[in-house]
Protein backbone atom coordinates (compact mmCIF):
# COMPACT_ATOMS: atom_id res chain seq x y z
CA MET A 1 40.22 12.22 28.36
CA THR A 2 39.38 15.30 26.01
CA GLY A 3 39.68 14.83 22.59
CA ALA A 4 38.78 10.77 22.52
CA PRO A 5 36.17 9.68 20.14
CA SER A 6 33.47 7.96 22.72
CA ASP A 7 32.48 4.80 21.40
CA PRO A 8 29.12 4.38 20.69
CA PRO A 9 26.41 3.73 22.55
CA THR A 10 25.46 -0.05 22.91
CA ASP A 11 21.84 0.66 23.79
CA PRO A 12 19.75 0.83 20.61
CA ALA A 13 17.47 3.40 21.82
CA ALA A 14 20.29 6.52 22.04
CA ARG A 15 22.09 5.23 18.65
CA PRO A 16 21.18 7.79 15.88
CA ALA A 17 18.14 7.09 13.69
CA GLY A 18 19.14 5.82 10.70
CA PRO A 19 17.28 4.50 7.91
CA PRO A 20 15.27 1.03 8.75
CA THR A 21 17.67 -2.29 8.13
CA ASP A 22 16.30 -5.52 7.85
CA PRO A 23 18.54 -8.66 9.83
CA ALA A 24 20.63 -9.06 6.48
CA GLY A 25 21.68 -5.50 6.33
CA GLU A 26 19.14 -4.47 3.45
CA SER A 27 17.21 -1.22 3.89
CA LEU A 28 13.85 -1.05 3.16
CA ALA A 29 14.00 1.81 0.45
CA GLU A 30 17.06 -1.26 -0.87
CA LEU A 31 14.42 -3.95 -0.74
CA PHE A 32 11.84 -1.64 -2.26
CA TRP A 33 13.75 -1.09 -5.01
CA ALA A 34 14.78 -4.97 -6.03
CA VAL A 35 11.28 -5.71 -5.74
CA ALA A 36 10.47 -2.68 -8.17
CA ARG A 37 12.76 -3.53 -10.48
CA ARG A 38 12.11 -7.30 -10.02
CA LEU A 39 8.36 -6.29 -11.49
CA ARG A 40 9.91 -3.80 -14.31
CA HIS A 41 11.64 -6.91 -15.82
CA GLN A 42 9.16 -8.95 -15.18
CA SER A 43 6.48 -6.84 -16.79
CA ARG A 44 9.01 -6.45 -19.73
CA ARG A 45 8.88 -9.96 -20.69
CA THR A 46 5.01 -10.44 -20.25
CA LEU A 47 4.54 -7.54 -22.74
CA GLU A 48 6.90 -9.07 -25.28
CA PRO A 49 4.56 -11.32 -27.10
CA TRP A 50 2.65 -7.75 -28.22
CA ASP A 51 5.27 -5.87 -29.00
CA VAL A 52 4.92 -2.81 -26.90
CA ASN A 53 6.90 -1.71 -23.74
CA PRO A 54 5.07 -0.74 -20.41
CA GLY A 55 3.85 2.87 -21.37
CA HIS A 56 2.45 1.59 -24.17
CA ALA A 57 0.47 -0.54 -22.35
CA ARG A 58 -0.58 1.77 -19.75
CA ALA A 59 -2.04 3.95 -22.67
CA LEU A 60 -3.78 1.14 -24.02
CA ALA A 61 -5.31 0.16 -21.30
CA VAL A 62 -6.39 4.19 -20.39
CA LEU A 63 -8.28 4.03 -23.92
CA THR A 64 -9.61 0.74 -23.63
CA ARG A 65 -11.36 1.39 -20.05
CA HIS A 66 -12.04 5.26 -20.47
CA GLY A 67 -12.73 4.73 -24.72
CA ALA A 68 -12.28 7.74 -27.41
CA MET A 69 -10.37 11.01 -25.79
CA ARG A 70 -8.21 13.83 -26.37
CA LEU A 71 -4.06 13.25 -26.22
CA SER A 72 -4.02 16.16 -24.04
CA ALA A 73 -6.72 14.13 -21.98
CA LEU A 74 -4.59 10.98 -22.19
CA ALA A 75 -1.59 13.19 -21.08
CA GLU A 76 -3.46 13.89 -17.87
CA HIS A 77 -4.61 9.84 -16.72
CA LEU A 78 -0.88 9.06 -17.52
CA HIS A 79 1.11 11.62 -16.00
CA ILE A 80 3.23 12.65 -18.48
CA ALA A 81 3.94 15.28 -20.81
CA PRO A 82 2.07 16.06 -23.97
CA ARG A 83 4.80 15.38 -26.03
CA SER A 84 5.48 11.81 -24.74
CA THR A 85 1.95 11.22 -25.44
CA THR A 86 2.10 12.07 -28.77
CA GLU A 87 5.26 9.70 -28.99
CA VAL A 88 3.30 6.66 -26.98
CA VAL A 89 0.21 7.37 -29.30
CA ASP A 90 2.49 6.88 -32.55
CA GLY A 91 4.08 3.56 -31.21
CA LEU A 92 1.10 2.38 -30.57
CA GLU A 93 -0.88 3.81 -34.04
CA GLU A 94 2.15 1.71 -35.96
CA ARG A 95 1.19 -1.56 -34.15
CA GLY A 96 -2.78 -0.90 -35.88
CA LEU A 97 -3.73 -0.68 -31.87
CA VAL A 98 -4.81 2.63 -31.61
CA ALA A 99 -6.52 5.17 -34.22
CA ARG A 100 -6.75 8.97 -34.56
CA ARG A 101 -9.93 10.52 -35.76
CA PRO A 102 -11.24 14.47 -35.66
CA ASP A 103 -13.07 15.76 -32.63
CA PRO A 104 -16.84 15.71 -34.03
CA ALA A 105 -17.00 18.68 -31.12
CA ASP A 106 -13.75 20.43 -32.27
CA ARG A 107 -12.77 19.78 -35.75
CA ARG A 108 -8.90 21.59 -34.63
CA ALA A 109 -8.94 18.69 -32.23
CA THR A 110 -7.89 15.13 -32.70
CA LEU A 111 -9.23 12.15 -30.50
CA VAL A 112 -7.23 9.07 -30.17
CA GLU A 113 -9.31 5.36 -29.95
CA PRO A 114 -8.41 1.53 -29.47
CA THR A 115 -9.17 -0.10 -32.66
CA ASP A 116 -10.40 -3.38 -32.43
CA GLU A 117 -7.22 -5.06 -32.59
CA GLY A 118 -6.24 -2.65 -29.79
CA THR A 119 -9.37 -3.54 -27.92
CA ARG A 120 -8.30 -7.38 -28.09
CA VAL A 121 -4.90 -6.83 -27.44
CA GLY A 122 -5.82 -4.68 -24.07
CA ALA A 123 -7.49 -7.82 -23.20
CA ALA A 124 -4.89 -9.97 -23.51
CA ILE A 125 -2.50 -7.87 -21.82
CA ARG A 126 -4.89 -7.40 -18.75
CA THR A 127 -5.24 -11.03 -18.75
CA ALA A 128 -1.24 -12.04 -18.68
CA ARG A 129 -0.82 -9.20 -16.18
CA ALA A 130 -3.18 -10.73 -13.87
CA ALA A 131 -1.83 -14.23 -14.43
CA GLU A 132 1.86 -12.17 -13.75
CA ALA A 133 0.47 -10.70 -10.55
CA GLU A 134 -0.83 -13.50 -8.84
CA ARG A 135 2.75 -15.34 -9.63
CA PHE A 136 4.43 -12.87 -8.27
CA PHE A 137 2.36 -11.91 -5.18
CA GLY A 138 0.43 -15.55 -5.19
CA HIS A 139 2.86 -16.71 -2.15
CA LEU A 140 1.95 -13.85 0.24
CA SER A 141 -0.81 -14.88 3.01
CA PRO A 142 -3.89 -13.31 2.74
CA THR A 143 -2.99 -11.22 5.41
CA ASP A 144 0.21 -10.33 4.02
CA HIS A 145 -1.51 -9.72 0.73
CA ALA A 146 -4.10 -7.09 2.41
CA ASP A 147 -1.18 -5.83 4.26
CA LEU A 148 0.93 -4.57 1.36
CA THR A 149 -2.12 -3.02 -0.63
CA ARG A 150 -2.40 -1.23 2.39
CA ILE A 151 0.60 0.35 2.56
CA LEU A 152 1.46 0.40 -0.67
CA ARG A 153 -1.97 2.59 -1.09
CA THR A 154 -0.58 4.56 1.77
CA LEU A 155 2.61 4.98 0.16
CA ARG A 156 1.19 5.93 -3.66
CA ASP A 157 -1.53 8.57 -1.87
C-alpha cells in the first residue's frame, strides 16, 4: 500500500510537537494575548479620569520616580524613539502635568519634570493601578501569584 496516507500516530509522544494547548484547545499564546488585551482595556478605563493614555502614564511614572531628565533619557527609560517621547511630553505638558525648562548644565538641552499637579496625578494613578492589579490578580492563591510573577519575569528577561 504505497502512496496511501498513514493514520496519525496514536501515541502522544510520537505526535509532532506543536504549540501547547490547554484542555479547551486554546494555545498558550492565545491565552497570553487574551489576558494582555484584557489588561490593556482595564488600564485604559483606569486612566480615563485623568485623560491620559498608557504611554502618558508610563512617562509620568518615570518622571515622578526619577525627577527631571532630558527627553533623550526619558526615551531610553521608555524604550521609545525620541520623536515619540516629544509627542508624549507634549500631551502631558498640555494637561499641565509636566513642564520643560533649560538644563542648567547645558543651556542647549531641555529638561522635563513633573509639575505639582503631575506629581499628584502620578500618585493617584499609582494608587488606582495598584487597586486594579489587586482586583485582577487578587483571586490567585499566593503560590499561583508567586509562580506567575516568576514566569513573567523569566519571559521578560
